[in-house]
Amino acid sequence: MSAPDAEAPQGPWALSFDDVSVVRGGRLIWSEGTFDVPVGSITAIIGPSGSGKTTLLQAALGLLPVASGSIEVLGKPAGQATRSIGYVPQRYARAAGNAIRACDAVLLGLTGHRWGFGRASAAERDRVDEVLAALDAESFAQRRLCQLSGGQRQRIAIAEALVTAPPLLILDEPLTSLDVRNQRDIVGLLARIREQFGVTILVVAHDLNPLLGILDSAIYLLDGHAHFNTMDEVVDEHLLSHLYGTSIQVVHTPQGELYMRSI
């Protein structure tokens, strides 16, 4: 079965900020945000606590008006392409309700916007099965969310976000509270999703280390401004030390992988 029709990005940029500043509660959170996030990329949103990562997400989703400048998402003003964005909140299970079956939670990604109740169509259930299979979640699809491990719940959250075939997927701290094995599994899954579904992925991240192998670029909030660069430029000891306010060392492992540590 083919995926539902999704609104394709208009042009090479999934996200475009033009001299954006954001004010909240009368306080300037950050400003001078001018950058473009390429279609098909995996991009992290990073910065210390309180720097405005959640605010940036809300502005991109059209939930918070900008104080100046403009944001385009998938070629449209922020807020006008919401149905074309898959979003995974940080506390997914709490938002979805722990008693619901995993497969029904994913189905809500297709039917949750409807008014009233009605049976899902065969095509909709086929689409749910297709996405669950693609994310290796079939074996626990009939279980309730409260019965799932953290890694399994995260797969279901991603499946619900992907079931409408959005061209843009946004995940807010998807690795929080997961052990090292589940973190690795979810990171590998994100790489597969980019290839298999052709989506652009934005990931809010507290710890970059698990994601370094798949990231193309990062939006980073530094000195009250929003910046963007490729990971080759972002993984820099001076920049990261300035960003996090502590000495950061970038280590190259014998296998050629990068690892950051505080010293």
Protein backbone atom coordinates (compact mmCIF):
# COMPACT_ATOMS: atom_id res chain seq x y z
CA MET A 1 0.00 0.00 0.00
CA SER A 2 1.30 3.47 -0.79
CA ALA A 3 1.65 6.11 1.87
CA PRO A 4 -0.97 8.86 2.22
CA ASP A 5 -0.43 11.88 0.06
CA ALA A 6 1.94 14.29 1.78
CA GLU A 7 2.70 17.87 0.95
CA ALA A 8 6.18 17.93 -0.57
CA PRO A 9 8.60 20.71 0.39
CA GLN A 10 8.64 23.65 -1.98
CA GLY A 11 12.34 24.09 -2.78
CA PRO A 12 15.58 22.80 -1.23
CA TRP A 13 14.88 23.99 2.32
CA ALA A 14 12.72 22.23 4.87
CA LEU A 15 13.08 25.13 7.31
CA SER A 16 14.08 28.72 6.57
CA PHE A 17 14.65 31.45 9.19
CA ASP A 18 15.12 35.05 8.10
CA ASP A 19 16.42 37.40 10.84
CA VAL A 20 14.12 35.84 13.43
CA SER A 21 13.88 36.97 17.04
CA VAL A 22 11.56 35.61 19.71
CA VAL A 23 10.21 37.34 22.81
CA ARG A 24 8.45 35.56 25.67
CA GLY A 25 6.98 37.22 28.73
CA GLY A 26 8.45 40.51 27.63
CA ARG A 27 11.98 39.03 27.52
CA LEU A 28 14.07 38.53 24.39
CA ILE A 29 14.89 34.80 24.25
CA TRP A 30 17.15 34.84 21.17
CA SER A 31 17.56 36.85 17.99
CA GLU A 32 19.35 37.09 14.63
CA GLY A 33 18.24 33.65 13.49
CA THR A 34 19.06 33.44 9.79
CA PHE A 35 19.65 30.00 8.31
CA ASP A 36 18.23 27.29 6.05
CA VAL A 37 17.89 23.60 6.94
CA PRO A 38 18.26 21.43 3.80
CA VAL A 39 15.60 18.94 2.78
CA GLY A 40 16.63 15.39 3.65
CA SER A 41 19.03 16.33 6.42
CA ILE A 42 19.16 15.23 10.06
CA THR A 43 19.73 18.33 12.17
CA ALA A 44 20.13 18.69 15.92
CA ILE A 45 18.84 21.63 17.96
CA ILE A 46 21.27 22.17 20.82
CA GLY A 47 22.05 24.63 23.57
CA PRO A 48 22.24 24.82 27.36
CA SER A 49 19.12 24.61 29.50
CA GLY A 50 17.05 27.78 29.20
CA SER A 51 18.65 28.87 25.93
CA GLY A 52 15.38 28.63 23.98
CA LYS A 53 15.34 25.23 22.24
CA THR A 54 11.66 24.63 23.03
CA THR A 55 10.87 28.20 22.03
CA LEU A 56 12.51 27.58 18.65
CA LEU A 57 10.37 24.48 18.15
CA GLN A 58 7.21 26.35 19.07
CA ALA A 59 8.07 29.17 16.67
CA ALA A 60 8.72 26.69 13.84
CA LEU A 61 5.41 24.96 14.54
CA GLY A 62 3.60 28.31 14.45
CA LEU A 63 2.60 28.06 18.12
CA LEU A 64 4.57 31.17 19.10
CA PRO A 65 4.64 34.33 16.96
CA VAL A 66 8.05 35.75 16.18
CA ALA A 67 8.92 39.25 17.36
CA SER A 68 10.70 40.01 14.09
CA GLY A 69 11.71 38.29 10.89
CA SER A 70 9.96 35.32 9.31
CA ILE A 71 9.98 31.52 9.34
CA GLU A 72 9.06 29.26 6.45
CA VAL A 73 8.43 25.55 6.98
CA LEU A 74 8.21 23.37 3.87
CA GLY A 75 7.90 26.54 1.80
CA LYS A 76 5.01 28.00 3.79
CA PRO A 77 4.79 30.48 6.68
CA ALA A 78 5.16 28.78 10.06
CA GLY A 79 1.85 27.34 11.18
CA GLN A 80 0.47 26.72 7.68
CA ALA A 81 2.20 23.36 7.12
CA THR A 82 1.40 21.78 10.49
CA ARG A 83 -0.38 18.78 8.94
CA SER A 84 2.83 18.04 7.02
CA ILE A 85 4.94 17.81 10.20
CA GLY A 86 5.32 14.71 12.33
CA TYR A 87 5.99 15.70 15.93
CA VAL A 88 7.15 13.50 18.82
CA PRO A 89 6.86 15.27 22.20
CA GLN A 90 9.29 14.57 25.01
CA ARG A 91 6.69 12.92 27.28
CA TYR A 92 4.84 10.93 24.65
CA ALA A 93 3.20 8.23 26.79
CA ARG A 94 1.74 10.78 29.20
CA ALA A 95 0.23 12.73 26.31
CA ALA A 96 -1.14 9.66 24.54
CA GLY A 97 -2.57 7.91 27.61
CA ASN A 98 -0.95 4.80 29.05
CA ALA A 99 -4.03 2.57 28.71
CA ILE A 100 -4.29 2.76 24.92
CA ARG A 101 -2.97 -0.07 22.74
CA ALA A 102 0.16 0.75 20.77
CA CYS A 103 -1.48 0.07 17.39
CA ASP A 104 -4.44 2.28 18.29
CA ALA A 105 -2.09 5.10 19.33
CA VAL A 106 -0.51 4.93 15.87
CA LEU A 107 -3.97 4.88 14.24
CA LEU A 108 -4.78 8.12 16.05
CA GLY A 109 -2.05 9.72 13.98
CA LEU A 110 -4.37 9.20 11.00
CA THR A 111 -7.80 9.65 12.59
CA GLY A 112 -7.26 11.82 15.67
CA HIS A 113 -8.16 15.03 13.83
CA ARG A 114 -11.67 13.80 12.99
CA TRP A 115 -14.76 15.03 14.76
CA GLY A 116 -16.69 12.27 16.50
CA PHE A 117 -16.15 8.52 16.36
CA GLY A 118 -16.05 6.14 13.44
CA ARG A 119 -14.43 2.95 12.29
CA ALA A 120 -11.04 3.21 10.64
CA SER A 121 -10.97 2.14 7.02
CA ALA A 122 -9.10 -0.93 5.82
CA ALA A 123 -6.64 1.34 4.03
CA GLU A 124 -5.91 3.22 7.24
CA ARG A 125 -5.30 0.03 9.20
CA ASP A 126 -3.07 -1.25 6.40
CA ARG A 127 -1.05 1.96 6.61
CA VAL A 128 -0.65 1.52 10.39
CA ASP A 129 0.55 -2.06 9.88
CA GLU A 130 2.97 -0.89 7.19
CA VAL A 131 4.59 1.71 9.43
CA LEU A 132 4.72 -0.61 12.45
CA ALA A 133 6.50 -3.20 10.32
CA ALA A 134 8.96 -0.63 8.98
CA LEU A 135 9.85 0.35 12.56
CA ASP A 136 10.12 -3.26 13.82
CA ALA A 137 7.22 -2.67 16.22
CA GLU A 138 4.80 -5.40 15.12
CA SER A 139 5.65 -7.75 18.00
CA PHE A 140 4.29 -5.37 20.65
CA ALA A 141 1.65 -3.50 18.63
CA GLN A 142 -1.26 -5.12 20.52
CA ARG A 143 0.11 -4.26 23.96
CA ARG A 144 -0.87 -1.18 25.95
CA LEU A 145 1.57 1.71 26.20
CA CYS A 146 1.93 1.15 29.95
CA GLN A 147 3.26 -2.35 29.21
CA LEU A 148 6.03 -1.17 26.88
CA SER A 149 9.65 -0.41 27.63
CA GLY A 150 11.00 3.09 27.04
CA GLY A 151 12.54 2.09 23.72
CA GLN A 152 9.32 0.44 22.56
CA ARG A 153 7.25 3.49 23.51
CA GLN A 154 9.62 5.68 21.54
CA ARG A 155 9.16 3.50 18.45
CA ILE A 156 5.39 3.81 18.78
CA ALA A 157 5.69 7.59 19.19
CA ILE A 158 7.74 7.78 16.00
CA ALA A 159 5.32 5.48 14.19
CA GLU A 160 2.38 7.72 15.14
CA ALA A 161 4.28 10.75 13.84
CA LEU A 162 5.19 9.02 10.56
CA VAL A 163 1.88 7.36 9.73
CA THR A 164 0.64 10.36 7.69
CA ALA A 165 3.90 10.34 5.66
CA PRO A 166 5.04 13.83 6.69
CA PRO A 167 8.08 15.27 4.89
CA LEU A 168 9.35 16.75 8.18
CA LEU A 169 9.78 14.88 11.48
CA ILE A 170 10.55 16.77 14.71
CA LEU A 171 11.58 14.91 17.87
CA ASP A 172 11.95 16.60 21.25
CA GLU A 173 14.66 14.83 23.30
CA PRO A 174 13.88 11.33 21.93
CA LEU A 175 16.74 9.67 23.85
CA THR A 176 15.82 10.98 27.30
CA SER A 177 15.56 8.23 29.94
CA LEU A 178 16.68 5.50 27.51
CA ASP A 179 19.59 3.20 28.34
CA VAL A 180 22.63 3.03 26.05
CA ARG A 181 21.33 0.08 24.03
CA ASN A 182 17.95 1.68 23.38
CA GLN A 183 19.60 4.98 22.52
CA ARG A 184 21.71 3.22 19.90
CA ASP A 185 18.64 1.42 18.53
CA ILE A 186 16.62 4.65 18.21
CA VAL A 187 19.53 6.47 16.56
CA GLY A 188 19.88 3.64 14.04
CA LEU A 189 16.14 3.78 13.47
CA LEU A 190 16.28 7.51 12.69
CA ALA A 191 18.96 6.86 10.06
CA ARG A 192 16.74 4.18 8.49
CA ILE A 193 13.70 6.47 8.56
CA ARG A 194 15.57 9.18 6.69
CA GLU A 195 16.51 6.71 3.96
CA GLN A 196 13.27 4.71 3.79
CA PHE A 197 10.73 7.52 4.20
CA GLY A 198 12.76 10.38 2.71
CA VAL A 199 11.99 12.75 5.58
CA THR A 200 13.92 15.68 6.99
CA ILE A 201 14.54 15.16 10.72
CA LEU A 202 14.99 17.77 13.45
CA VAL A 203 16.11 16.45 16.84
CA VAL A 204 16.24 18.47 20.05
CA ALA A 205 19.19 16.96 21.92
CA HIS A 206 20.78 17.44 25.30
CA ASP A 207 23.61 14.96 24.63
CA LEU A 208 25.04 14.95 21.10
CA ASN A 209 27.24 11.90 21.53
CA PRO A 210 24.71 9.18 20.62
CA LEU A 211 23.64 11.15 17.52
CA LEU A 212 27.00 12.21 16.12
CA GLY A 213 27.14 9.36 13.61
CA ILE A 214 23.94 10.42 11.80
CA LEU A 215 23.82 14.21 12.12
CA ASP A 216 24.46 16.47 9.13
CA SER A 217 24.11 19.82 10.89
CA ALA A 218 23.01 21.63 14.02
CA ILE A 219 21.06 24.70 15.05
CA TYR A 220 22.75 26.01 18.17
CA LEU A 221 21.67 28.76 20.54
CA LEU A 222 24.66 30.74 21.70
CA ASP A 223 25.03 34.20 23.30
CA GLY A 224 21.35 34.95 22.72
CA HIS A 225 21.47 34.19 18.99
CA ALA A 226 20.38 31.26 16.82
CA HIS A 227 23.12 29.84 14.60
CA PHE A 228 23.37 27.01 12.07
CA ASN A 229 26.29 25.04 10.68
CA THR A 230 27.39 21.63 9.48
CA MET A 231 28.57 19.12 12.09
CA ASP A 232 32.16 19.43 10.86
CA GLU A 233 32.05 23.05 12.05
CA VAL A 234 29.94 22.48 15.16
CA VAL A 235 32.05 19.66 16.62
CA ASP A 236 34.74 22.10 17.71
CA GLU A 237 36.17 22.18 21.21
CA HIS A 238 36.20 25.97 21.47
CA LEU A 239 32.64 26.39 20.19
CA LEU A 240 31.21 23.57 22.33
CA SER A 241 33.03 24.78 25.44
CA HIS A 242 31.58 28.26 24.88
CA LEU A 243 28.14 26.81 24.18
CA TYR A 244 27.91 24.67 27.32
CA GLY A 245 30.00 26.85 29.63
CA THR A 246 32.46 24.08 30.50
CA SER A 247 35.60 22.66 28.91
CA ILE A 248 34.68 20.14 26.20
CA GLN A 249 37.19 17.80 24.60
CA VAL A 250 36.50 16.15 21.24
CA VAL A 251 37.97 12.64 21.13
CA HIS A 252 38.56 10.47 18.07
CA THR A 253 38.20 6.77 18.88
CA PRO A 254 40.38 4.08 17.24
CA GLN A 255 37.33 3.19 15.12
CA GLY A 256 37.26 6.75 13.73
CA GLU A 257 34.19 7.83 15.67
CA LEU A 258 33.84 11.13 17.50
CA TYR A 259 33.09 11.48 21.18
CA MET A 260 32.72 14.62 23.29
CA ARG A 261 33.50 14.75 26.98
CA SER A 262 33.65 17.38 29.68
CA ILE A 263 37.09 17.90 31.22
